[in-house]
C-alpha atoms as a PDB file:
ATOM      1  CA  MET A   1      61.434-143.135 227.711  1.00  0.00           C
ATOM      2  CA  SER A   2      58.826-144.103 225.248  1.00  0.00           C
ATOM      3  CA  PRO A   3      56.566-147.315 225.418  1.00  0.00           C
ATOM      4  CA  GLY A   4      58.322-148.638 222.184  1.00  0.00           C
ATOM      5  CA  GLN A   5      61.856-147.997 223.250  1.00  0.00           C
ATOM      6  CA  ILE A   6      61.188-150.000 226.268  1.00  0.00           C
ATOM      7  CA  GLY A   7      59.778-152.358 224.427  1.00  0.00           C
ATOM      8  CA  ALA A   8      62.918-152.392 222.184  1.00  0.00           C
ATOM      9  CA  LEU A   9      65.039-152.861 225.284  1.00  0.00           C
ATOM     10  CA  MET A  10      63.181-155.681 226.647  1.00  0.00           C
ATOM     11  CA  LEU A  11      63.569-157.397 223.020  1.00  0.00           C
ATOM     12  CA  ALA A  12      67.235-156.993 223.033  1.00  0.00           C
ATOM     13  CA  ALA A  13      67.926-157.954 226.366  1.00  0.00           C
ATOM     14  CA  ALA A  14      66.198-160.731 226.238  1.00  0.00           C
ATOM     15  CA  VAL A  15      68.049-161.868 222.729  1.00  0.00           C
ATOM     16  CA  ALA A  16      70.865-161.026 224.964  1.00  0.00           C
ATOM     17  CA  GLY A  17      69.896-163.486 228.029  1.00  0.00           C
ATOM     18  CA  ALA A  18      69.492-166.307 225.732  1.00  0.00           C
ATOM     19  CA  ILE A  19      72.894-165.695 224.047  1.00  0.00           C
ATOM     20  CA  ASN A  20      74.488-165.550 227.444  1.00  0.00           C
ATOM     21  CA  SER A  21      73.039-168.827 228.449  1.00  0.00           C
ATOM     22  CA  VAL A  22      74.255-170.700 224.895  1.00  0.00           C
ATOM     23  CA  ALA A  23      77.761-168.884 224.018  1.00  0.00           C
ATOM     24  CA  GLY A  24      78.039-165.658 226.008  1.00  0.00           C
ATOM     25  CA  GLY A  25      78.983-161.986 224.935  1.00  0.00           C
ATOM     26  CA  GLY A  26      75.016-160.960 225.201  1.00  0.00           C
ATOM     27  CA  SER A  27      76.340-157.260 226.265  1.00  0.00           C
ATOM     28  CA  LEU A  28      77.222-156.646 222.788  1.00  0.00           C
ATOM     29  CA  ILE A  29      73.666-156.886 221.921  1.00  0.00           C
ATOM     30  CA  SER A  30      72.069-155.064 224.739  1.00  0.00           C
ATOM     31  CA  TRP A  31      74.695-152.157 225.576  1.00  0.00           C
ATOM     32  CA  PRO A  32      74.323-150.800 221.964  1.00  0.00           C
ATOM     33  CA  ALA A  33      70.235-151.008 222.112  1.00  0.00           C
ATOM     34  CA  ALA A  34      70.561-149.286 225.662  1.00  0.00           C
ATOM     35  CA  VAL A  35      72.475-146.245 223.425  1.00  0.00           C
ATOM     36  CA  ALA A  36      70.254-146.770 220.487  1.00  0.00           C
ATOM     37  CA  THR A  37      67.530-145.762 223.041  1.00  0.00           C
ATOM     38  CA  GLY A  38      69.127-142.082 223.447  1.00  0.00           C
ATOM     39  CA  LEU A  39      71.329-143.005 226.777  1.00  0.00           C
ATOM     40  CA  SER A  40      75.271-141.814 226.549  1.00  0.00           C
ATOM     41  CA  GLN A  41      77.200-144.575 226.070  1.00  0.00           C
ATOM     42  CA  VAL A  42      78.397-144.473 229.784  1.00  0.00           C
ATOM     43  CA  VAL A  43      74.912-144.566 231.487  1.00  0.00           C
ATOM     44  CA  ALA A  44      74.073-147.606 229.117  1.00  0.00           C
ATOM     45  CA  SER A  45      77.088-148.983 230.553  1.00  0.00           C
ATOM     46  CA  ALA A  46      75.962-148.660 234.111  1.00  0.00           C
ATOM     47  CA  THR A  47      72.340-149.380 233.213  1.00  0.00           C
ATOM     48  CA  ASN A  48      73.565-152.699 231.567  1.00  0.00           C
ATOM     49  CA  THR A  49      75.386-153.839 234.263  1.00  0.00           C
ATOM     50  CA  LEU A  50      72.550-153.281 236.641  1.00  0.00           C
ATOM     51  CA  ALA A  51      69.858-155.219 234.296  1.00  0.00           C
ATOM     52  CA  LEU A  52      72.339-157.995 234.004  1.00  0.00           C
ATOM     53  CA  ALA A  53      72.694-158.277 238.222  1.00  0.00           C
ATOM     54  CA  PRO A  54      69.419-160.138 238.784  1.00  0.00           C
ATOM     55  CA  ALA A  55      70.326-162.697 236.094  1.00  0.00           C
ATOM     56  CA  SER A  56      73.767-163.247 237.509  1.00  0.00           C
ATOM     57  CA  LEU A  57      72.331-163.573 240.748  1.00  0.00           C
ATOM     58  CA  ALA A  58      69.721-166.069 239.233  1.00  0.00           C
ATOM     59  CA  ALA A  59      72.322-168.120 237.697  1.00  0.00           C
ATOM     60  CA  ALA A  60      74.589-168.488 240.936  1.00  0.00           C
ATOM     61  CA  TRP A  61      71.459-169.797 242.788  1.00  0.00           C
ATOM     62  CA  ALA A  62      70.694-172.140 240.253  1.00  0.00           C
ATOM     63  CA  TYR A  63      74.326-173.331 240.292  1.00  0.00           C
ATOM     64  CA  ARG A  64      74.252-173.681 244.124  1.00  0.00           C
ATOM     65  CA  ARG A  65      74.479-177.474 244.117  1.00  0.00           C
ATOM     66  CA  GLU A  66      76.955-177.606 241.481  1.00  0.00           C
ATOM     67  CA  LEU A  67      79.501-175.592 243.974  1.00  0.00           C
ATOM     68  CA  GLY A  68      80.068-178.379 246.109  1.00  0.00           C
ATOM     69  CA  GLU A  69      83.144-178.415 248.345  1.00  0.00           C
ATOM     70  CA  ASN A  70      84.287-175.107 245.912  1.00  0.00           C
ATOM     71  CA  ARG A  71      81.999-173.143 247.955  1.00  0.00           C
ATOM     72  CA  ARG A  72      84.803-172.122 250.193  1.00  0.00           C
ATOM     73  CA  THR A  73      86.957-171.142 247.141  1.00  0.00           C
ATOM     74  CA  ALA A  74      84.228-169.349 245.397  1.00  0.00           C
ATOM     75  CA  LEU A  75      83.238-167.106 248.236  1.00  0.00           C
ATOM     76  CA  PHE A  76      86.946-166.104 249.040  1.00  0.00           C
ATOM     77  CA  LEU A  77      87.503-165.465 245.084  1.00  0.00           C
ATOM     78  CA  CYS A  78      84.534-163.067 245.745  1.00  0.00           C
ATOM     79  CA  VAL A  79      86.269-160.774 248.104  1.00  0.00           C
ATOM     80  CA  PRO A  80      88.897-159.430 245.084  1.00  0.00           C
ATOM     81  CA  ALA A  81      86.044-159.750 242.489  1.00  0.00           C
ATOM     82  CA  ALA A  82      84.083-157.479 244.254  1.00  0.00           C
ATOM     83  CA  VAL A  83      87.029-154.634 244.893  1.00  0.00           C
ATOM     84  CA  GLY A  84      87.995-155.072 241.250  1.00  0.00           C
ATOM     85  CA  ALA A  85      84.385-154.504 239.875  1.00  0.00           C
ATOM     86  CA  LEU A  86      83.722-151.391 242.477  1.00  0.00           C
ATOM     87  CA  ALA A  87      87.161-149.941 241.369  1.00  0.00           C
ATOM     88  CA  GLY A  88      85.795-150.505 237.788  1.00  0.00           C
ATOM     89  CA  ALA A  89      82.449-148.924 238.481  1.00  0.00           C
ATOM     90  CA  MET A  90      84.137-145.855 239.942  1.00  0.00           C
ATOM     91  CA  LEU A  91      86.536-145.212 237.214  1.00  0.00           C
ATOM     92  CA  LEU A  92      83.717-145.607 234.725  1.00  0.00           C
ATOM     93  CA  PHE A  93      82.527-142.115 235.960  1.00  0.00           C
ATOM     94  CA  ALA A  94      85.471-140.606 237.530  1.00  0.00           C
ATOM     95  CA  ALA A  95      86.913-140.370 234.142  1.00  0.00           C
ATOM     96  CA  PRO A  96      85.818-137.842 231.150  1.00  0.00           C
ATOM     97  CA  ALA A  97      83.169-139.362 229.210  1.00  0.00           C
ATOM     98  CA  VAL A  98      85.335-139.327 226.268  1.00  0.00           C
ATOM     99  CA  VAL A  99      87.881-141.245 227.554  1.00  0.00           C
ATOM    100  CA  PHE A 100      85.036-144.162 227.742  1.00  0.00           C
ATOM    101  CA  GLU A 101      84.450-143.569 224.314  1.00  0.00           C
ATOM    102  CA  SER A 102      87.895-143.843 222.973  1.00  0.00           C
ATOM    103  CA  LEU A 103      88.347-147.315 224.733  1.00  0.00           C
ATOM    104  CA  VAL A 104      84.884-148.451 224.336  1.00  0.00           C
ATOM    105  CA  PRO A 105      85.500-149.384 220.362  1.00  0.00           C
ATOM    106  CA  TRP A 106      88.740-151.536 221.507  1.00  0.00           C
ATOM    107  CA  LEU A 107      86.802-153.193 224.873  1.00  0.00           C
ATOM    108  CA  VAL A 108      84.066-154.254 222.508  1.00  0.00           C
ATOM    109  CA  GLY A 109      86.777-155.813 219.667  1.00  0.00           C
ATOM    110  CA  LEU A 110      88.479-157.726 222.790  1.00  0.00           C
ATOM    111  CA  ALA A 111      85.143-158.925 223.875  1.00  0.00           C
ATOM    112  CA  ALA A 112      84.438-160.358 220.319  1.00  0.00           C
ATOM    113  CA  LEU A 113      87.503-161.899 220.222  1.00  0.00           C
ATOM    114  CA  SER A 114      87.076-163.696 223.843  1.00  0.00           C
ATOM    115  CA  ILE A 115      83.916-165.311 222.377  1.00  0.00           C
ATOM    116  CA  VAL A 116      85.466-167.184 219.413  1.00  0.00           C
ATOM    117  CA  GLY A 117      88.747-167.540 221.696  1.00  0.00           C
ATOM    118  CA  LYS A 118      86.771-169.228 224.266  1.00  0.00           C
ATOM    119  CA  ASP A 119      88.339-172.646 223.578  1.00  0.00           C
ATOM    120  CA  PHE A 120      91.885-171.675 223.400  1.00  0.00           C
ATOM    121  CA  LEU A 121      91.641-169.727 226.435  1.00  0.00           C
ATOM    122  CA  TRP A 122      90.237-172.454 228.281  1.00  0.00           C
ATOM    123  CA  LYS A 123      93.103-174.993 227.044  1.00  0.00           C
ATOM    124  CA  LYS A 124      95.843-172.368 228.207  1.00  0.00           C
ATOM    125  CA  ALA A 125      94.235-172.162 231.580  1.00  0.00           C
ATOM    126  CA  ARG A 126      93.984-175.940 231.848  1.00  0.00           C
ATOM    127  CA  GLY A 127      97.476-176.056 230.992  1.00  0.00           C
ATOM    128  CA  ILE A 128      99.067-173.952 233.315  1.00  0.00           C
ATOM    129  CA  ALA A 129      96.681-175.410 236.076  1.00  0.00           C
ATOM    130  CA  LYS A 130      99.629-176.749 238.695  1.00  0.00           C
ATOM    131  CA  LYS A 131      98.750-177.705 242.290  1.00  0.00           C
ATOM    132  CA  SER A 132     100.456-175.130 244.235  1.00  0.00           C
ATOM    133  CA  ARG A 133      99.801-173.296 247.812  1.00  0.00           C
ATOM    134  CA  GLY A 134      99.498-170.188 245.835  1.00  0.00           C
ATOM    135  CA  ARG A 135      97.577-170.552 243.052  1.00  0.00           C
ATOM    136  CA  THR A 136      94.263-169.367 244.489  1.00  0.00           C
ATOM    137  CA  LEU A 137      95.965-166.258 245.673  1.00  0.00           C
ATOM    138  CA  ALA A 138      97.242-166.042 242.049  1.00  0.00           C
ATOM    139  CA  VAL A 139      93.875-166.421 240.261  1.00  0.00           C
ATOM    140  CA  GLY A 140      92.322-164.070 242.957  1.00  0.00           C
ATOM    141  CA  ALA A 141      94.675-161.271 242.134  1.00  0.00           C
ATOM    142  CA  ALA A 142      93.742-162.287 238.213  1.00  0.00           C
ATOM    143  CA  LEU A 143      90.148-161.755 239.117  1.00  0.00           C
ATOM    144  CA  ALA A 144      90.887-158.676 241.002  1.00  0.00           C
ATOM    145  CA  LEU A 145      92.053-157.176 237.487  1.00  0.00           C
ATOM    146  CA  ILE A 146      89.464-158.896 235.392  1.00  0.00           C
ATOM    147  CA  ALA A 147      86.777-157.356 237.545  1.00  0.00           C
ATOM    148  CA  VAL A 148      87.939-154.143 236.999  1.00  0.00           C
ATOM    149  CA  TYR A 149      87.288-154.423 233.598  1.00  0.00           C
ATOM    150  CA  GLY A 150      83.799-155.924 234.787  1.00  0.00           C
ATOM    151  CA  GLY A 151      82.673-153.174 236.857  1.00  0.00           C
ATOM    152  CA  TYR A 152      83.921-150.559 233.885  1.00  0.00           C
ATOM    153  CA  PHE A 153      82.023-152.372 230.785  1.00  0.00           C
ATOM    154  CA  GLY A 154      82.078-155.949 231.269  1.00  0.00           C
ATOM    155  CA  ALA A 155      81.005-157.648 227.935  1.00  0.00           C
ATOM    156  CA  GLY A 156      82.538-161.340 227.686  1.00  0.00           C
ATOM    157  CA  ILE A 157      83.228-160.959 231.360  1.00  0.00           C
ATOM    158  CA  GLY A 158      81.734-164.382 231.910  1.00  0.00           C
ATOM    159  CA  ILE A 159      84.257-166.187 229.530  1.00  0.00           C
ATOM    160  CA  VAL A 160      87.396-164.577 230.612  1.00  0.00           C
ATOM    161  CA  THR A 161      86.409-165.386 234.129  1.00  0.00           C
ATOM    162  CA  ILE A 162      85.527-169.160 233.673  1.00  0.00           C
ATOM    163  CA  ALA A 163      88.918-169.281 231.605  1.00  0.00           C
ATOM    164  CA  VAL A 164      90.759-168.018 234.586  1.00  0.00           C
ATOM    165  CA  LEU A 165      89.035-169.980 237.112  1.00  0.00           C
ATOM    166  CA  GLY A 166      90.452-173.424 234.976  1.00  0.00           C
ATOM    167  CA  SER A 167      93.506-172.928 235.902  1.00  0.00           C
ATOM    168  CA  LEU A 168      92.631-173.694 239.763  1.00  0.00           C
ATOM    169  CA  GLY A 169      92.904-177.461 238.867  1.00  0.00           C
ATOM    170  CA  ASP A 170      90.852-180.624 238.179  1.00  0.00           C
ATOM    171  CA  HIS A 171      87.585-179.276 237.861  1.00  0.00           C
ATOM    172  CA  ASP A 172      84.789-180.451 235.276  1.00  0.00           C
ATOM    173  CA  ILE A 173      82.829-177.396 233.432  1.00  0.00           C
ATOM    174  CA  HIS A 174      79.872-178.038 235.669  1.00  0.00           C
ATOM    175  CA  GLN A 175      81.993-176.835 238.989  1.00  0.00           C
ATOM    176  CA  LEU A 176      83.578-174.012 237.011  1.00  0.00           C
ATOM    177  CA  ASN A 177      80.356-172.547 235.580  1.00  0.00           C
ATOM    178  CA  ALA A 178      78.885-172.696 239.317  1.00  0.00           C
ATOM    179  CA  MET A 179      81.636-170.886 240.651  1.00  0.00           C
ATOM    180  CA  LYS A 180      81.741-168.265 237.650  1.00  0.00           C
ATOM    181  CA  SER A 181      78.298-167.770 238.145  1.00  0.00           C
ATOM    182  CA  VAL A 182      78.612-166.943 241.592  1.00  0.00           C
ATOM    183  CA  ILE A 183      81.723-164.568 241.232  1.00  0.00           C
ATOM    184  CA  VAL A 184      80.330-162.435 238.125  1.00  0.00           C
ATOM    185  CA  GLY A 185      76.978-162.217 240.264  1.00  0.00           C
ATOM    186  CA  VAL A 186      79.216-160.724 242.827  1.00  0.00           C
ATOM    187  CA  MET A 187      80.652-158.326 240.433  1.00  0.00           C
ATOM    188  CA  ASN A 188      77.637-157.004 238.416  1.00  0.00           C
ATOM    189  CA  SER A 189      75.789-156.896 241.757  1.00  0.00           C
ATOM    190  CA  THR A 190      78.876-154.535 243.357  1.00  0.00           C
ATOM    191  CA  ALA A 191      78.734-152.233 240.326  1.00  0.00           C
ATOM    192  CA  ALA A 192      75.038-152.291 240.286  1.00  0.00           C
ATOM    193  CA  ILE A 193      74.622-150.977 243.895  1.00  0.00           C
ATOM    194  CA  TYR A 194      77.300-148.352 243.299  1.00  0.00           C
ATOM    195  CA  PHE A 195      75.258-147.135 240.367  1.00  0.00           C
ATOM    196  CA  VAL A 196      72.418-147.277 242.336  1.00  0.00           C
ATOM    197  CA  ALA A 197      73.670-145.540 245.158  1.00  0.00           C
ATOM    198  CA  LEU A 198      74.840-142.403 243.044  1.00  0.00           C
ATOM    199  CA  GLY A 199      71.819-142.219 240.385  1.00  0.00           C
ATOM    200  CA  ARG A 200      73.909-143.434 237.681  1.00  0.00           C
ATOM    201  CA  ALA A 201      71.962-145.832 236.197  1.00  0.00           C
ATOM    202  CA  ASP A 202      68.526-145.546 234.039  1.00  0.00           C
ATOM    203  CA  LEU A 203      66.308-147.363 236.634  1.00  0.00           C
ATOM    204  CA  ALA A 204      63.348-147.481 234.146  1.00  0.00           C
ATOM    205  CA  ALA A 205      65.445-149.011 231.127  1.00  0.00           C
ATOM    206  CA  ALA A 206      67.460-151.280 233.707  1.00  0.00           C
ATOM    207  CA  ALA A 207      63.968-153.107 234.538  1.00  0.00           C
ATOM    208  CA  ALA A 208      62.963-153.345 231.419  1.00  0.00           C
ATOM    209  CA  MET A 209      66.333-154.830 230.377  1.00  0.00           C
ATOM    210  CA  ALA A 210      66.482-156.925 233.166  1.00  0.00           C
ATOM    211  CA  VAL A 211      62.975-158.594 232.696  1.00  0.00           C
ATOM    212  CA  GLY A 212      64.074-159.248 229.568  1.00  0.00           C
ATOM    213  CA  SER A 213      67.579-161.250 230.002  1.00  0.00           C
ATOM    214  CA  ILE A 214      65.855-163.292 232.686  1.00  0.00           C
ATOM    215  CA  ALA A 215      63.022-164.393 230.222  1.00  0.00           C
ATOM    216  CA  GLY A 216      65.574-164.888 227.537  1.00  0.00           C
ATOM    217  CA  GLY A 217      68.102-166.758 229.659  1.00  0.00           C
ATOM    218  CA  PHE A 218      65.256-168.875 230.286  1.00  0.00           C
ATOM    219  CA  ALA A 219      64.758-169.330 227.042  1.00  0.00           C
ATOM    220  CA  GLY A 220      68.007-169.684 226.213  1.00  0.00           C
ATOM    221  CA  ALA A 221      68.465-172.524 228.648  1.00  0.00           C
ATOM    222  CA  SER A 222      66.430-174.884 226.416  1.00  0.00           C
ATOM    223  CA  LEU A 223      68.063-173.300 223.075  1.00  0.00           C
ATOM    224  CA  ALA A 224      71.002-174.381 223.839  1.00  0.00           C
ATOM    225  CA  ARG A 225      70.306-178.231 223.672  1.00  0.00           C
ATOM    226  CA  ARG A 226      69.337-177.884 220.037  1.00  0.00           C
ATOM    227  CA  VAL A 227      71.554-175.060 218.574  1.00  0.00           C
ATOM    228  CA  ASP A 228      75.585-175.378 218.051  1.00  0.00           C
ATOM    229  CA  ALA A 229      77.221-172.915 220.527  1.00  0.00           C
ATOM    230  CA  ALA A 230      80.053-172.433 218.172  1.00  0.00           C
ATOM    231  CA  LYS A 231      78.003-171.160 215.254  1.00  0.00           C
ATOM    232  CA  VAL A 232      76.151-168.567 217.519  1.00  0.00           C
ATOM    233  CA  ARG A 233      79.593-167.453 218.965  1.00  0.00           C
ATOM    234  CA  TRP A 234      80.572-166.693 215.320  1.00  0.00           C
ATOM    235  CA  VAL A 235      77.428-164.609 214.718  1.00  0.00           C
ATOM    236  CA  VAL A 236      78.206-162.651 217.981  1.00  0.00           C
ATOM    237  CA  PHE A 237      81.821-162.298 216.704  1.00  0.00           C
ATOM    238  CA  ALA A 238      80.784-160.568 213.860  1.00  0.00           C
ATOM    239  CA  ILE A 239      78.280-158.579 215.300  1.00  0.00           C
ATOM    240  CA  GLY A 240      81.250-157.289 217.787  1.00  0.00           C
ATOM    241  CA  LEU A 241      83.785-156.708 215.253  1.00  0.00           C
ATOM    242  CA  GLY A 242      80.872-154.698 213.020  1.00  0.00           C
ATOM    243  CA  LEU A 243      79.534-152.693 216.258  1.00  0.00           C
ATOM    244  CA  GLY A 244      83.546-151.630 217.531  1.00  0.00           C
ATOM    245  CA  ALA A 245      84.209-150.440 213.586  1.00  0.00           C
ATOM    246  CA  ILE A 246      80.997-148.387 213.837  1.00  0.00           C
ATOM    247  CA  LEU A 247      82.138-146.866 217.555  1.00  0.00           C
ATOM    248  CA  ALA A 248      85.637-146.412 216.485  1.00  0.00           C
ATOM    249  CA  TYR A 249      84.363-144.616 213.289  1.00  0.00           C
ATOM    250  CA  ARG A 250      81.922-142.334 215.293  1.00  0.00           C
ATOM    251  CA  ARG A 251      84.884-141.452 217.676  1.00  0.00           C
ATOM    252  CA  PHE A 252      87.861-141.117 215.913  1.00  0.00           C
ATOM    253  CA  TRP A 253      86.741-139.979 212.233  1.00  0.00           C
END
């Protein structure tokens, strides 16, 4: 990989990290950038997940104080999340590459829709929240399924995860963000360990993207105080729809 490609990856990952801090959906920027450098779509997905793992763990550490009494619940939910993420990571390379190439336009489109549907998902989750002994188990089962997608592709996974966590009960957004950061950090890390162990990711590309995403995440945290997150979400939504349309055209026509 040339220095120019590494620099382009770092820049794309920095933009993705900033978008994740402000609105979510940064993988819709970083993943196609990895593909543009010559990586296959499947390897680019594994590389993107590996690159995001350090930033996810950093976010989890930053939110450690907000976890408070939810620490035990978050750790419990990490178990099904890890199992699902491992299944998704295994599925990514177990199936022929053409399967991923056929699915990814739809996955990108769904990720884009989840970004602009964030408030709707949040309200629905809050609306069905009920105090019952089994709700944590139900959320754990839902997270296991969501984590399969997280290990397989993962764009927009944080948005979907926080919506599901909203059904746990009366938690404020900071507490939910704290739990989400820990759980998504475990998802990404589990899949990343699998990809590294089997040599499925491009380590040089992942290292460049990790540096960029962490730098972008810090910049995005301060930027979030000055920009309208809703407008950023609509920009990312438009990018996602355009990307999905291009991928669908290339695959099916």
